[in-house]
Structures are given as structure tokens and as C-alpha cells.
N, C-alpha and C. Protein backbone atom coordinates (compact mmCIF):
# COMPACT_ATOMS: atom_id res chain seq x y z
N SER A 1 0.83 -1.21 0.00
CA SER A 1 0.00 0.00 -0.01
C SER A 1 0.89 1.25 -0.01
N LEU A 2 0.28 2.40 -0.31
CA LEU A 2 1.05 3.65 -0.32
C LEU A 2 1.58 3.93 1.07
N GLU A 3 0.82 3.63 2.10
CA GLU A 3 1.25 3.93 3.46
C GLU A 3 2.53 3.16 3.81
N GLU A 4 2.67 1.95 3.32
CA GLU A 4 3.85 1.13 3.62
C GLU A 4 5.11 1.71 3.00
N LEU A 5 4.97 2.59 2.04
CA LEU A 5 6.12 3.17 1.35
C LEU A 5 6.46 4.57 1.84
N ASP A 6 5.89 5.01 2.94
CA ASP A 6 6.16 6.32 3.48
C ASP A 6 7.64 6.50 3.71
N GLY A 7 8.15 7.63 3.29
CA GLY A 7 9.57 7.91 3.46
C GLY A 7 10.44 7.39 2.33
N ARG A 8 9.88 6.65 1.40
CA ARG A 8 10.66 6.11 0.30
C ARG A 8 10.23 6.77 -1.01
N PRO A 9 11.16 6.94 -1.96
CA PRO A 9 10.78 7.48 -3.26
C PRO A 9 9.66 6.62 -3.88
N LEU A 10 8.74 7.31 -4.55
CA LEU A 10 7.58 6.57 -5.08
C LEU A 10 7.16 7.11 -6.43
N PHE A 11 6.97 6.19 -7.37
CA PHE A 11 6.39 6.55 -8.69
C PHE A 11 5.15 5.67 -8.88
N VAL A 12 4.03 6.27 -9.15
CA VAL A 12 2.78 5.57 -9.34
C VAL A 12 2.26 5.85 -10.75
N TRP A 13 2.00 4.78 -11.45
CA TRP A 13 1.41 4.88 -12.83
C TRP A 13 0.02 4.27 -12.74
N VAL A 14 -0.99 5.03 -13.09
CA VAL A 14 -2.37 4.56 -13.13
C VAL A 14 -2.88 4.70 -14.54
N HIS A 15 -3.19 3.59 -15.19
CA HIS A 15 -3.70 3.58 -16.56
C HIS A 15 -5.14 3.07 -16.54
N LEU A 16 -6.05 3.93 -16.91
CA LEU A 16 -7.46 3.58 -16.91
C LEU A 16 -7.93 3.41 -18.36
N PHE A 17 -8.53 2.26 -18.64
CA PHE A 17 -8.89 1.95 -20.03
C PHE A 17 -10.41 1.96 -20.21
N ASP A 18 -11.15 2.22 -19.17
CA ASP A 18 -12.60 2.04 -19.20
C ASP A 18 -13.32 2.89 -20.26
N VAL A 19 -12.83 4.11 -20.49
CA VAL A 19 -13.56 5.01 -21.40
C VAL A 19 -13.21 4.66 -22.85
N HIS A 20 -13.46 3.46 -23.22
CA HIS A 20 -13.35 2.96 -24.59
C HIS A 20 -14.64 2.18 -24.85
N THR A 21 -14.91 1.98 -26.15
CA THR A 21 -16.05 1.12 -26.44
C THR A 21 -15.75 -0.29 -25.95
N PRO A 22 -16.75 -0.99 -25.42
CA PRO A 22 -18.12 -0.51 -25.27
C PRO A 22 -18.25 0.41 -24.04
N TYR A 23 -19.08 1.47 -24.19
CA TYR A 23 -19.30 2.40 -23.08
C TYR A 23 -20.36 1.80 -22.19
N LEU A 24 -19.93 1.31 -21.05
CA LEU A 24 -20.86 0.64 -20.13
C LEU A 24 -20.58 1.10 -18.70
N PRO A 25 -20.99 2.32 -18.37
CA PRO A 25 -20.71 2.84 -17.04
C PRO A 25 -21.58 2.14 -15.97
N PRO A 26 -21.21 2.24 -14.70
CA PRO A 26 -22.07 1.67 -13.65
C PRO A 26 -23.49 2.30 -13.68
N GLU A 27 -24.39 1.59 -13.13
CA GLU A 27 -25.82 2.01 -13.11
C GLU A 27 -25.94 3.43 -12.56
N GLY A 28 -26.69 4.26 -13.30
CA GLY A 28 -27.00 5.60 -12.83
C GLY A 28 -26.11 6.69 -13.39
N TYR A 29 -24.94 6.35 -13.87
CA TYR A 29 -24.00 7.40 -14.31
C TYR A 29 -24.41 8.00 -15.64
N ALA A 30 -24.82 7.19 -16.59
CA ALA A 30 -25.26 7.76 -17.86
C ALA A 30 -26.50 8.59 -17.72
N GLN A 31 -27.38 8.19 -16.78
CA GLN A 31 -28.62 8.96 -16.57
C GLN A 31 -28.37 10.38 -16.09
N ARG A 32 -27.18 10.68 -15.60
CA ARG A 32 -26.84 12.06 -15.20
C ARG A 32 -26.83 12.99 -16.43
N TYR A 33 -26.63 12.42 -17.61
CA TYR A 33 -26.47 13.22 -18.83
C TYR A 33 -27.59 12.97 -19.82
N TYR A 34 -28.65 12.28 -19.39
CA TYR A 34 -29.72 11.97 -20.35
C TYR A 34 -31.00 11.75 -19.58
N SER A 35 -32.09 12.24 -20.11
CA SER A 35 -33.40 11.98 -19.52
C SER A 35 -34.31 11.48 -20.65
N GLY A 36 -35.24 10.60 -20.32
CA GLY A 36 -36.12 10.06 -21.34
C GLY A 36 -35.75 8.62 -21.65
N ASP A 37 -36.38 8.12 -22.72
CA ASP A 37 -36.16 6.72 -23.10
C ASP A 37 -35.43 6.70 -24.47
N PRO A 38 -34.17 6.36 -24.53
CA PRO A 38 -33.44 6.37 -25.79
C PRO A 38 -33.84 5.21 -26.70
N TYR A 39 -34.67 4.28 -26.20
CA TYR A 39 -35.12 3.14 -27.01
C TYR A 39 -36.59 3.29 -27.43
N ASP A 40 -37.16 4.45 -27.19
CA ASP A 40 -38.57 4.71 -27.50
C ASP A 40 -38.80 4.45 -29.00
N PRO A 41 -39.64 3.53 -29.38
CA PRO A 41 -39.83 3.20 -30.81
C PRO A 41 -40.46 4.34 -31.59
N SER A 42 -41.02 5.32 -30.90
CA SER A 42 -41.59 6.45 -31.64
C SER A 42 -40.52 7.43 -32.12
N LEU A 43 -39.31 7.28 -31.60
CA LEU A 43 -38.22 8.13 -32.05
C LEU A 43 -37.82 7.73 -33.48
N PRO A 44 -37.33 8.69 -34.27
CA PRO A 44 -36.88 8.34 -35.62
C PRO A 44 -35.66 7.42 -35.58
N GLU A 45 -35.45 6.71 -36.65
CA GLU A 45 -34.24 5.88 -36.76
C GLU A 45 -33.03 6.79 -36.74
N PRO A 46 -31.94 6.38 -36.12
CA PRO A 46 -30.72 7.18 -36.15
C PRO A 46 -30.26 7.43 -37.57
N ASP A 47 -29.82 8.67 -37.82
CA ASP A 47 -29.47 9.09 -39.18
C ASP A 47 -28.03 8.78 -39.46
N ILE A 48 -27.64 7.48 -39.33
CA ILE A 48 -26.30 7.06 -39.70
C ILE A 48 -26.43 5.66 -40.33
N HIS A 49 -25.38 5.23 -40.97
CA HIS A 49 -25.38 3.91 -41.60
C HIS A 49 -25.53 2.86 -40.50
N PRO A 50 -26.34 1.82 -40.73
CA PRO A 50 -26.52 0.79 -39.68
C PRO A 50 -25.23 0.18 -39.18
N ALA A 51 -24.20 0.16 -40.03
CA ALA A 51 -22.91 -0.43 -39.62
C ALA A 51 -22.25 0.37 -38.51
N HIS A 52 -22.66 1.63 -38.35
CA HIS A 52 -22.04 2.51 -37.36
C HIS A 52 -22.83 2.53 -36.03
N LEU A 53 -23.98 1.84 -36.00
CA LEU A 53 -24.74 1.81 -34.76
C LEU A 53 -23.95 1.02 -33.73
N PRO A 54 -23.93 1.49 -32.47
CA PRO A 54 -23.09 0.84 -31.47
C PRO A 54 -23.62 -0.54 -31.08
N PRO A 55 -22.87 -1.61 -31.28
CA PRO A 55 -23.36 -2.95 -30.96
C PRO A 55 -23.54 -3.16 -29.48
N PHE A 56 -22.89 -2.32 -28.67
CA PHE A 56 -22.99 -2.50 -27.22
C PHE A 56 -24.27 -1.90 -26.66
N LEU A 57 -25.02 -1.15 -27.47
CA LEU A 57 -26.32 -0.61 -27.06
C LEU A 57 -27.34 -0.95 -28.16
N PRO A 58 -27.65 -2.22 -28.35
CA PRO A 58 -28.54 -2.64 -29.43
C PRO A 58 -29.91 -2.03 -29.33
N GLY A 59 -30.43 -1.53 -30.48
CA GLY A 59 -31.76 -0.99 -30.50
C GLY A 59 -31.86 0.48 -30.11
N VAL A 60 -30.76 1.15 -29.80
CA VAL A 60 -30.82 2.53 -29.38
C VAL A 60 -31.33 3.40 -30.53
N ARG A 61 -32.23 4.34 -30.19
CA ARG A 61 -32.78 5.24 -31.20
C ARG A 61 -32.21 6.66 -31.12
N ASP A 62 -31.75 7.05 -29.95
CA ASP A 62 -31.23 8.40 -29.76
C ASP A 62 -29.73 8.27 -29.47
N LEU A 63 -28.90 8.77 -30.39
CA LEU A 63 -27.45 8.62 -30.24
C LEU A 63 -26.90 9.49 -29.14
N ASN A 64 -27.68 10.42 -28.62
CA ASN A 64 -27.23 11.17 -27.43
C ASN A 64 -27.06 10.27 -26.24
N TRP A 65 -27.78 9.14 -26.26
CA TRP A 65 -27.64 8.18 -25.17
C TRP A 65 -26.26 7.51 -25.18
N VAL A 66 -25.72 7.32 -26.39
CA VAL A 66 -24.38 6.72 -26.50
C VAL A 66 -23.38 7.66 -25.86
N VAL A 67 -23.47 8.94 -26.20
CA VAL A 67 -22.54 9.94 -25.67
C VAL A 67 -22.72 10.05 -24.14
N ALA A 68 -23.95 9.94 -23.67
CA ALA A 68 -24.20 9.97 -22.22
C ALA A 68 -23.50 8.82 -21.52
N ASN A 69 -23.46 7.66 -22.15
CA ASN A 69 -22.74 6.52 -21.57
C ASN A 69 -21.23 6.79 -21.52
N TYR A 70 -20.70 7.41 -22.55
CA TYR A 70 -19.29 7.80 -22.53
C TYR A 70 -19.01 8.76 -21.40
N ASP A 71 -19.85 9.83 -21.30
CA ASP A 71 -19.69 10.83 -20.26
C ASP A 71 -19.84 10.20 -18.88
N GLY A 72 -20.78 9.24 -18.78
CA GLY A 72 -20.96 8.56 -17.50
C GLY A 72 -19.75 7.76 -17.08
N GLU A 73 -19.09 7.11 -18.03
CA GLU A 73 -17.88 6.35 -17.72
C GLU A 73 -16.77 7.30 -17.23
N ALA A 74 -16.64 8.43 -17.92
CA ALA A 74 -15.61 9.42 -17.54
C ALA A 74 -15.90 9.93 -16.13
N THR A 75 -17.13 10.23 -15.82
CA THR A 75 -17.49 10.72 -14.51
C THR A 75 -17.19 9.70 -13.43
N TYR A 76 -17.53 8.44 -13.70
CA TYR A 76 -17.24 7.38 -12.72
C TYR A 76 -15.74 7.30 -12.44
N LEU A 77 -14.91 7.36 -13.49
CA LEU A 77 -13.47 7.27 -13.31
C LEU A 77 -12.92 8.49 -12.61
N ASP A 78 -13.52 9.67 -12.82
CA ASP A 78 -13.09 10.86 -12.09
C ASP A 78 -13.21 10.62 -10.60
N GLY A 79 -14.32 10.01 -10.20
CA GLY A 79 -14.53 9.74 -8.78
C GLY A 79 -13.53 8.73 -8.23
N GLU A 80 -13.19 7.74 -9.03
CA GLU A 80 -12.20 6.73 -8.57
C GLU A 80 -10.80 7.35 -8.47
N LEU A 81 -10.46 8.24 -9.42
CA LEU A 81 -9.19 8.92 -9.34
C LEU A 81 -9.11 9.83 -8.11
N ALA A 82 -10.23 10.46 -7.80
CA ALA A 82 -10.26 11.34 -6.61
C ALA A 82 -9.91 10.54 -5.35
N ARG A 83 -10.37 9.31 -5.28
CA ARG A 83 -10.08 8.47 -4.10
C ARG A 83 -8.59 8.23 -3.94
N ILE A 84 -7.87 8.14 -5.07
CA ILE A 84 -6.43 7.97 -5.02
C ILE A 84 -5.73 9.28 -4.65
N LEU A 85 -6.14 10.36 -5.33
CA LEU A 85 -5.46 11.65 -5.11
C LEU A 85 -5.72 12.24 -3.74
N GLU A 86 -6.79 11.80 -3.09
CA GLU A 86 -7.08 12.32 -1.73
C GLU A 86 -6.32 11.59 -0.64
N ARG A 87 -5.56 10.55 -0.98
CA ARG A 87 -4.78 9.85 0.04
C ARG A 87 -3.64 10.76 0.49
N PRO A 88 -3.25 10.66 1.76
CA PRO A 88 -2.23 11.59 2.32
C PRO A 88 -0.95 11.64 1.51
N ARG A 89 -0.49 10.48 1.03
CA ARG A 89 0.81 10.49 0.30
C ARG A 89 0.69 11.23 -1.03
N MET A 90 -0.51 11.27 -1.59
CA MET A 90 -0.70 11.86 -2.89
C MET A 90 -0.99 13.36 -2.84
N ARG A 91 -1.39 13.85 -1.68
CA ARG A 91 -1.78 15.24 -1.57
C ARG A 91 -0.64 16.21 -1.91
N ASN A 92 0.58 15.82 -1.59
CA ASN A 92 1.74 16.67 -1.90
C ASN A 92 2.60 16.08 -3.01
N ALA A 93 2.02 15.23 -3.80
CA ALA A 93 2.78 14.59 -4.90
C ALA A 93 2.81 15.48 -6.13
N ILE A 94 3.76 15.15 -7.02
CA ILE A 94 3.77 15.73 -8.37
C ILE A 94 2.84 14.84 -9.20
N VAL A 95 1.84 15.44 -9.80
CA VAL A 95 0.83 14.67 -10.50
C VAL A 95 0.66 15.19 -11.93
N ALA A 96 0.63 14.26 -12.88
CA ALA A 96 0.31 14.59 -14.28
C ALA A 96 -0.91 13.76 -14.70
N PHE A 97 -1.88 14.42 -15.27
CA PHE A 97 -3.08 13.75 -15.77
C PHE A 97 -3.19 14.04 -17.24
N THR A 98 -3.26 12.98 -18.07
CA THR A 98 -3.39 13.22 -19.51
C THR A 98 -4.01 11.96 -20.12
N ALA A 99 -4.02 11.90 -21.46
CA ALA A 99 -4.61 10.74 -22.18
C ALA A 99 -3.77 10.53 -23.43
N ASP A 100 -3.89 9.31 -23.98
CA ASP A 100 -3.15 9.01 -25.19
C ASP A 100 -3.93 9.42 -26.45
N HIS A 101 -5.22 9.62 -26.33
CA HIS A 101 -6.01 10.06 -27.48
C HIS A 101 -7.41 10.44 -27.02
N GLY A 102 -8.13 11.14 -27.91
CA GLY A 102 -9.51 11.49 -27.64
C GLY A 102 -10.44 10.46 -28.34
N GLU A 103 -11.70 10.88 -28.50
CA GLU A 103 -12.68 9.93 -29.07
C GLU A 103 -13.56 10.72 -30.05
N SER A 104 -14.03 10.03 -31.08
CA SER A 104 -14.86 10.66 -32.10
C SER A 104 -16.26 10.05 -32.06
N PHE A 105 -17.26 10.93 -32.22
CA PHE A 105 -18.66 10.50 -32.23
C PHE A 105 -19.27 10.83 -33.60
N GLY A 106 -18.60 10.41 -34.64
CA GLY A 106 -19.10 10.63 -35.99
C GLY A 106 -18.31 11.64 -36.79
N ASP A 107 -17.47 12.42 -36.12
CA ASP A 107 -16.66 13.41 -36.85
C ASP A 107 -15.71 12.68 -37.81
N HIS A 108 -15.65 13.19 -39.05
CA HIS A 108 -14.79 12.64 -40.07
C HIS A 108 -15.09 11.19 -40.38
N GLY A 109 -16.31 10.76 -40.12
CA GLY A 109 -16.70 9.40 -40.43
C GLY A 109 -16.20 8.38 -39.43
N VAL A 110 -15.74 8.82 -38.25
CA VAL A 110 -15.25 7.92 -37.23
C VAL A 110 -16.27 7.88 -36.10
N TRP A 111 -16.81 6.69 -35.84
CA TRP A 111 -17.88 6.50 -34.88
C TRP A 111 -17.40 5.68 -33.69
N TRP A 112 -17.54 6.24 -32.45
CA TRP A 112 -17.27 5.54 -31.22
C TRP A 112 -15.85 4.95 -31.23
N ASP A 113 -14.91 5.72 -31.72
CA ASP A 113 -13.55 5.22 -31.91
C ASP A 113 -12.61 6.41 -32.04
N HIS A 114 -11.35 6.13 -32.19
CA HIS A 114 -10.34 7.14 -32.45
C HIS A 114 -9.55 6.70 -33.67
N ALA A 115 -9.39 7.59 -34.60
CA ALA A 115 -8.67 7.25 -35.83
C ALA A 115 -8.17 8.55 -36.45
N GLY A 116 -7.11 8.44 -37.21
CA GLY A 116 -6.56 9.61 -37.87
C GLY A 116 -5.94 10.56 -36.86
N LEU A 117 -5.54 11.71 -37.35
CA LEU A 117 -4.91 12.71 -36.50
C LEU A 117 -5.73 14.01 -36.44
N TYR A 118 -7.04 13.82 -36.44
CA TYR A 118 -7.95 14.96 -36.34
C TYR A 118 -7.94 15.53 -34.90
N PRO A 119 -8.35 16.77 -34.73
CA PRO A 119 -8.36 17.36 -33.37
C PRO A 119 -9.10 16.49 -32.36
N GLN A 120 -10.19 15.82 -32.80
CA GLN A 120 -10.96 15.01 -31.86
C GLN A 120 -10.09 13.88 -31.29
N THR A 121 -9.07 13.47 -32.01
CA THR A 121 -8.21 12.36 -31.57
C THR A 121 -6.99 12.86 -30.83
N VAL A 122 -6.33 13.92 -31.31
CA VAL A 122 -5.00 14.30 -30.76
C VAL A 122 -5.09 15.41 -29.70
N ASN A 123 -6.19 16.16 -29.62
CA ASN A 123 -6.28 17.20 -28.62
C ASN A 123 -6.84 16.64 -27.33
N VAL A 124 -5.97 16.40 -26.35
CA VAL A 124 -6.41 15.81 -25.09
C VAL A 124 -5.93 16.75 -23.97
N PRO A 125 -6.54 16.64 -22.78
CA PRO A 125 -6.15 17.50 -21.69
C PRO A 125 -4.80 17.08 -21.10
N LEU A 126 -4.12 18.03 -20.52
CA LEU A 126 -2.92 17.75 -19.72
C LEU A 126 -2.99 18.64 -18.49
N ILE A 127 -3.01 18.05 -17.32
CA ILE A 127 -3.02 18.78 -16.06
C ILE A 127 -1.81 18.33 -15.27
N VAL A 128 -1.00 19.29 -14.85
CA VAL A 128 0.19 19.00 -14.04
C VAL A 128 0.07 19.80 -12.75
N ALA A 129 0.25 19.13 -11.65
CA ALA A 129 0.22 19.79 -10.32
C ALA A 129 1.41 19.36 -9.53
N TRP A 130 1.95 20.28 -8.73
CA TRP A 130 3.08 19.96 -7.88
C TRP A 130 3.10 21.00 -6.73
N PRO A 131 3.77 20.65 -5.66
CA PRO A 131 3.84 21.62 -4.53
C PRO A 131 4.44 22.93 -4.98
N GLY A 132 3.71 24.03 -4.75
CA GLY A 132 4.18 25.33 -5.16
C GLY A 132 3.83 25.71 -6.58
N ALA A 133 3.05 24.88 -7.28
CA ALA A 133 2.66 25.22 -8.64
C ALA A 133 1.72 26.42 -8.65
N PRO A 134 1.80 27.26 -9.71
CA PRO A 134 0.91 28.42 -9.77
C PRO A 134 -0.55 27.96 -9.95
N ALA A 135 -1.35 28.20 -8.96
CA ALA A 135 -2.73 27.71 -8.96
C ALA A 135 -3.52 28.33 -10.09
N GLY A 136 -4.21 27.48 -10.84
CA GLY A 136 -5.13 27.97 -11.89
C GLY A 136 -4.44 28.42 -13.16
N ALA A 137 -3.15 28.25 -13.29
CA ALA A 137 -2.43 28.71 -14.52
C ALA A 137 -2.89 27.83 -15.68
N ARG A 138 -3.15 28.50 -16.80
CA ARG A 138 -3.63 27.77 -17.98
C ARG A 138 -2.75 28.13 -19.16
N VAL A 139 -2.45 27.11 -19.99
CA VAL A 139 -1.60 27.32 -21.16
C VAL A 139 -2.39 26.83 -22.39
N GLY A 140 -2.45 27.64 -23.43
CA GLY A 140 -3.24 27.30 -24.60
C GLY A 140 -2.45 26.57 -25.69
N GLN A 141 -1.12 26.53 -25.57
CA GLN A 141 -0.31 25.90 -26.59
C GLN A 141 -0.49 24.39 -26.58
N MET A 142 -0.40 23.82 -27.78
CA MET A 142 -0.36 22.35 -27.87
C MET A 142 1.03 21.88 -27.50
N VAL A 143 1.15 20.73 -26.84
CA VAL A 143 2.40 20.18 -26.46
C VAL A 143 2.45 18.70 -26.80
N SER A 144 3.59 18.09 -26.62
CA SER A 144 3.77 16.66 -26.94
C SER A 144 3.91 15.88 -25.66
N ASN A 145 3.29 14.68 -25.65
CA ASN A 145 3.39 13.82 -24.46
C ASN A 145 4.81 13.43 -24.14
N ILE A 146 5.73 13.51 -25.11
CA ILE A 146 7.12 13.14 -24.85
C ILE A 146 7.73 14.06 -23.82
N ASP A 147 7.18 15.30 -23.68
CA ASP A 147 7.72 16.26 -22.73
C ASP A 147 7.26 16.01 -21.30
N VAL A 148 6.23 15.17 -21.12
CA VAL A 148 5.70 14.97 -19.78
C VAL A 148 6.72 14.31 -18.86
N GLY A 149 7.39 13.26 -19.35
CA GLY A 149 8.36 12.57 -18.53
C GLY A 149 9.53 13.48 -18.13
N ARG A 150 10.01 14.28 -19.07
CA ARG A 150 11.11 15.18 -18.76
C ARG A 150 10.69 16.21 -17.70
N THR A 151 9.46 16.70 -17.83
CA THR A 151 8.92 17.66 -16.86
C THR A 151 8.81 17.06 -15.47
N LEU A 152 8.32 15.83 -15.36
CA LEU A 152 8.17 15.20 -14.05
C LEU A 152 9.53 14.96 -13.39
N LEU A 153 10.51 14.52 -14.18
CA LEU A 153 11.84 14.33 -13.62
C LEU A 153 12.41 15.63 -13.09
N ASP A 154 12.29 16.71 -13.87
CA ASP A 154 12.83 17.99 -13.43
C ASP A 154 12.14 18.45 -12.16
N LEU A 155 10.82 18.30 -12.10
CA LEU A 155 10.11 18.77 -10.90
C LEU A 155 10.49 17.94 -9.68
N ALA A 156 10.91 16.69 -9.91
CA ALA A 156 11.32 15.82 -8.78
C ALA A 156 12.78 16.00 -8.42
N GLY A 157 13.45 17.00 -9.03
CA GLY A 157 14.84 17.24 -8.70
C GLY A 157 15.79 16.27 -9.39
N LEU A 158 15.38 15.66 -10.48
CA LEU A 158 16.18 14.67 -11.20
C LEU A 158 16.55 15.15 -12.59
N ALA A 159 16.92 16.41 -12.66
CA ALA A 159 17.25 17.02 -13.95
C ALA A 159 18.47 16.40 -14.61
N ASP A 160 19.33 15.75 -13.83
CA ASP A 160 20.56 15.19 -14.38
C ASP A 160 20.33 13.84 -15.10
N ILE A 161 19.17 13.26 -14.92
CA ILE A 161 18.87 11.99 -15.56
C ILE A 161 18.56 12.20 -17.03
N GLU A 162 19.21 11.40 -17.90
CA GLU A 162 18.97 11.53 -19.33
C GLU A 162 17.56 11.03 -19.67
N TYR A 163 16.84 11.87 -20.43
CA TYR A 163 15.50 11.49 -20.84
C TYR A 163 15.09 12.46 -21.94
N PRO A 164 14.39 12.00 -22.98
CA PRO A 164 14.03 12.92 -24.07
C PRO A 164 12.96 13.90 -23.64
N GLY A 165 12.80 14.92 -24.48
CA GLY A 165 11.78 15.93 -24.20
C GLY A 165 12.35 17.15 -23.52
N ARG A 166 11.40 18.13 -23.38
CA ARG A 166 11.78 19.42 -22.76
C ARG A 166 10.80 19.73 -21.62
N ASN A 167 11.27 20.49 -20.67
CA ASN A 167 10.47 20.86 -19.51
C ASN A 167 9.33 21.76 -19.94
N LEU A 168 8.10 21.37 -19.66
CA LEU A 168 6.92 22.17 -20.06
C LEU A 168 6.78 23.43 -19.24
N ARG A 169 7.46 23.58 -18.16
CA ARG A 169 7.33 24.81 -17.38
C ARG A 169 7.73 26.03 -18.17
N ARG A 170 8.50 25.83 -19.24
CA ARG A 170 8.87 27.00 -20.07
C ARG A 170 7.65 27.69 -20.62
N LEU A 171 6.53 26.95 -20.77
CA LEU A 171 5.34 27.52 -21.36
C LEU A 171 4.59 28.45 -20.42
N LEU A 172 5.00 28.46 -19.14
CA LEU A 172 4.37 29.36 -18.19
C LEU A 172 4.92 30.77 -18.32
N GLU A 173 6.00 30.93 -19.05
CA GLU A 173 6.57 32.27 -19.25
C GLU A 173 5.70 33.08 -20.19
N ALA A 174 5.57 34.37 -19.89
CA ALA A 174 4.70 35.25 -20.65
C ALA A 174 5.12 35.31 -22.13
N SER A 175 6.39 35.10 -22.40
CA SER A 175 6.86 35.23 -23.80
C SER A 175 6.70 33.95 -24.60
N SER A 176 6.20 32.89 -24.00
CA SER A 176 6.08 31.62 -24.73
C SER A 176 5.10 31.74 -25.87
N LYS A 177 5.40 31.08 -26.99
CA LYS A 177 4.56 31.15 -28.18
C LYS A 177 4.20 29.72 -28.60
N HIS A 178 3.17 29.63 -29.45
CA HIS A 178 2.78 28.36 -30.01
C HIS A 178 3.93 27.79 -30.82
N GLU A 179 4.23 26.51 -30.59
CA GLU A 179 5.30 25.82 -31.30
C GLU A 179 4.69 24.89 -32.34
N THR A 180 5.31 24.82 -33.49
CA THR A 180 4.86 23.90 -34.54
C THR A 180 4.97 22.46 -34.07
N GLN A 181 3.94 21.68 -34.29
CA GLN A 181 3.91 20.28 -33.89
C GLN A 181 3.83 19.39 -35.14
N TYR A 182 4.59 18.30 -35.09
CA TYR A 182 4.61 17.31 -36.17
C TYR A 182 4.15 16.00 -35.57
N THR A 183 3.22 15.33 -36.23
CA THR A 183 2.61 14.13 -35.67
C THR A 183 2.54 13.06 -36.75
N LEU A 184 2.86 11.82 -36.34
CA LEU A 184 2.74 10.65 -37.21
C LEU A 184 1.95 9.58 -36.46
N SER A 185 0.91 9.07 -37.10
CA SER A 185 0.05 8.10 -36.46
C SER A 185 0.73 6.72 -36.45
N SER A 186 0.21 5.84 -35.63
CA SER A 186 0.72 4.47 -35.60
C SER A 186 0.49 3.83 -36.99
N HIS A 187 1.39 2.96 -37.37
CA HIS A 187 1.33 2.24 -38.65
C HIS A 187 1.48 3.18 -39.85
N GLY A 188 1.80 4.45 -39.62
CA GLY A 188 1.98 5.37 -40.70
C GLY A 188 0.73 5.66 -41.52
N ASN A 189 -0.44 5.56 -40.87
CA ASN A 189 -1.68 5.82 -41.59
C ASN A 189 -1.90 7.29 -41.91
N ALA A 190 -1.34 8.19 -41.10
CA ALA A 190 -1.60 9.62 -41.29
C ALA A 190 -0.45 10.40 -40.69
N ALA A 191 -0.28 11.63 -41.19
CA ALA A 191 0.69 12.58 -40.64
C ALA A 191 -0.02 13.92 -40.50
N ALA A 192 0.48 14.76 -39.63
CA ALA A 192 -0.17 16.07 -39.41
C ALA A 192 0.86 17.09 -39.03
N ILE A 193 0.56 18.33 -39.38
CA ILE A 193 1.39 19.47 -38.96
C ILE A 193 0.43 20.48 -38.33
N THR A 194 0.78 20.96 -37.14
CA THR A 194 -0.02 21.96 -36.47
C THR A 194 0.84 23.22 -36.36
N ALA A 195 0.47 24.26 -37.10
CA ALA A 195 1.09 25.57 -37.01
C ALA A 195 -0.02 26.54 -36.63
N TRP A 196 -0.14 26.80 -35.39
CA TRP A 196 -1.31 27.53 -34.83
C TRP A 196 -1.65 28.75 -35.67
N PRO A 197 -2.96 28.93 -36.04
CA PRO A 197 -4.13 28.13 -35.65
C PRO A 197 -4.50 27.04 -36.67
N TRP A 198 -3.55 26.70 -37.57
CA TRP A 198 -3.87 25.72 -38.61
C TRP A 198 -3.45 24.33 -38.20
N HIS A 199 -4.23 23.35 -38.67
CA HIS A 199 -3.93 21.93 -38.41
C HIS A 199 -4.16 21.19 -39.71
N LEU A 200 -3.07 20.73 -40.33
CA LEU A 200 -3.16 20.03 -41.62
C LEU A 200 -2.99 18.55 -41.37
N VAL A 201 -3.97 17.75 -41.87
CA VAL A 201 -3.91 16.30 -41.73
C VAL A 201 -3.70 15.68 -43.10
N LEU A 202 -2.74 14.80 -43.23
CA LEU A 202 -2.50 14.06 -44.47
C LEU A 202 -2.84 12.60 -44.21
N ASN A 203 -3.92 12.13 -44.81
CA ASN A 203 -4.31 10.72 -44.64
C ASN A 203 -3.55 9.92 -45.69
N LEU A 204 -2.63 9.11 -45.24
CA LEU A 204 -1.74 8.35 -46.16
C LEU A 204 -2.28 7.01 -46.52
N ARG A 205 -3.01 6.39 -45.63
CA ARG A 205 -3.61 5.09 -45.86
C ARG A 205 -4.92 5.04 -45.11
N PRO A 206 -5.91 4.29 -45.58
CA PRO A 206 -7.18 4.23 -44.85
C PRO A 206 -7.02 3.52 -43.53
N HIS A 207 -7.60 4.12 -42.48
CA HIS A 207 -7.55 3.50 -41.16
C HIS A 207 -8.35 2.24 -41.11
N TYR A 208 -9.51 2.25 -41.82
CA TYR A 208 -10.36 1.06 -41.87
C TYR A 208 -10.21 0.43 -43.23
N PRO A 209 -9.46 -0.66 -43.35
CA PRO A 209 -9.30 -1.30 -44.67
C PRO A 209 -10.61 -1.84 -45.19
N ASP A 210 -10.77 -1.82 -46.51
CA ASP A 210 -11.99 -2.33 -47.13
C ASP A 210 -12.05 -3.86 -46.96
């Protein structure tokens, strides 16, 4: 347990996979974001190709219910993360919260999935907290996840350890500017260049083979 490691250096990695299809939050969580009956036969048929209807919610007529299930899963996990972060050892820890990708609900023909290098997939939150951090500071620039590890090491006083990336604290300076980002998707399906405010996506191969 965390308590057994008091006084010793500690690195905790928590990887949550729940907010992926199928979206199946615990009872009551999806209802926070939806009222009514999404299976009401009087509702019109969903205006998408039948192949894109979510198999984990068979017969659904209102696609807002699918999104509500996604939001419900995220809310449930927020509560579980809070239980970890509220533990005494974690209250004064250096914490980074981020994701490897976002999710698409029909944008660019991608349903209940992540594909390509569109903003819906690559724009994810990054929250970093540490003792003495400027409370409420917000940065609008896009950054790369490769910089997260470098930043955590530096914040922990381990700047001498070799590791790729740059310290993200530089972006807190008033003079910081948007930096051009270059992105390549897994398997080389797509490439992208972000030169604020432009985002160019080059689809090199179909993500979904015929």
C-alpha cells in the first residue's frame, strides 16, 4: 500500500482503459447526462449507416444516449481517481493527468472510436500539479506527451537523468509562443502538422481497410 512506502521514493502509474467502447458505465451514471427513453420506438431511426450503430447498445434510437454513456464512464473514473489523489501520500505529490487520445462520435466518419490525427483524436487534456505550482495557470499551446516525462523528472529534482523531451514549465513564461507540432500516427496511416491556428492532416492510408 502507499502507506507502507512512506519515506521512500515513489512513482505511481495509473492507466485507466474504461472510457473505450463498449461504453458501459455503472448504473445511474449515464442517466446524469440523459433523460427520457433512448429506446422509444416512436423516435426516428438514427441518421447514420446501420454499420455504425453501437453494438453494445442494441436498438438505441437516440445517439445522445451513447454519448451519455461515454460521459458517464468518464465521470465514474473521475470519482475513482479522486479516491487515489485524496490519500495523504498523494496530496503533496507531483501529478500529471493526460490521455493518449480522444474519441470521435461521428466526426470525419469515425464513430465511437479514435482514428486519424484529427483534433478530436489528438487534442487531449494535460493537467500537471506539484507543490508550489501556480494555482489555476492555464496554457493554450499544444504540447507533446514526450515532454511529460522530462517535466516530471525535473520537478522531482532529477534534472541530471537523461530522458528525451523538454520541460513544459517553459510555457508558463509570458513570452512563450505556439510551437509547430509534427505528428505521425501508428502504422503510418496519417501525418499532421499543427502551425497555430492551422492543423493540416494528411491521410496516407485508410484506417479502416476495405
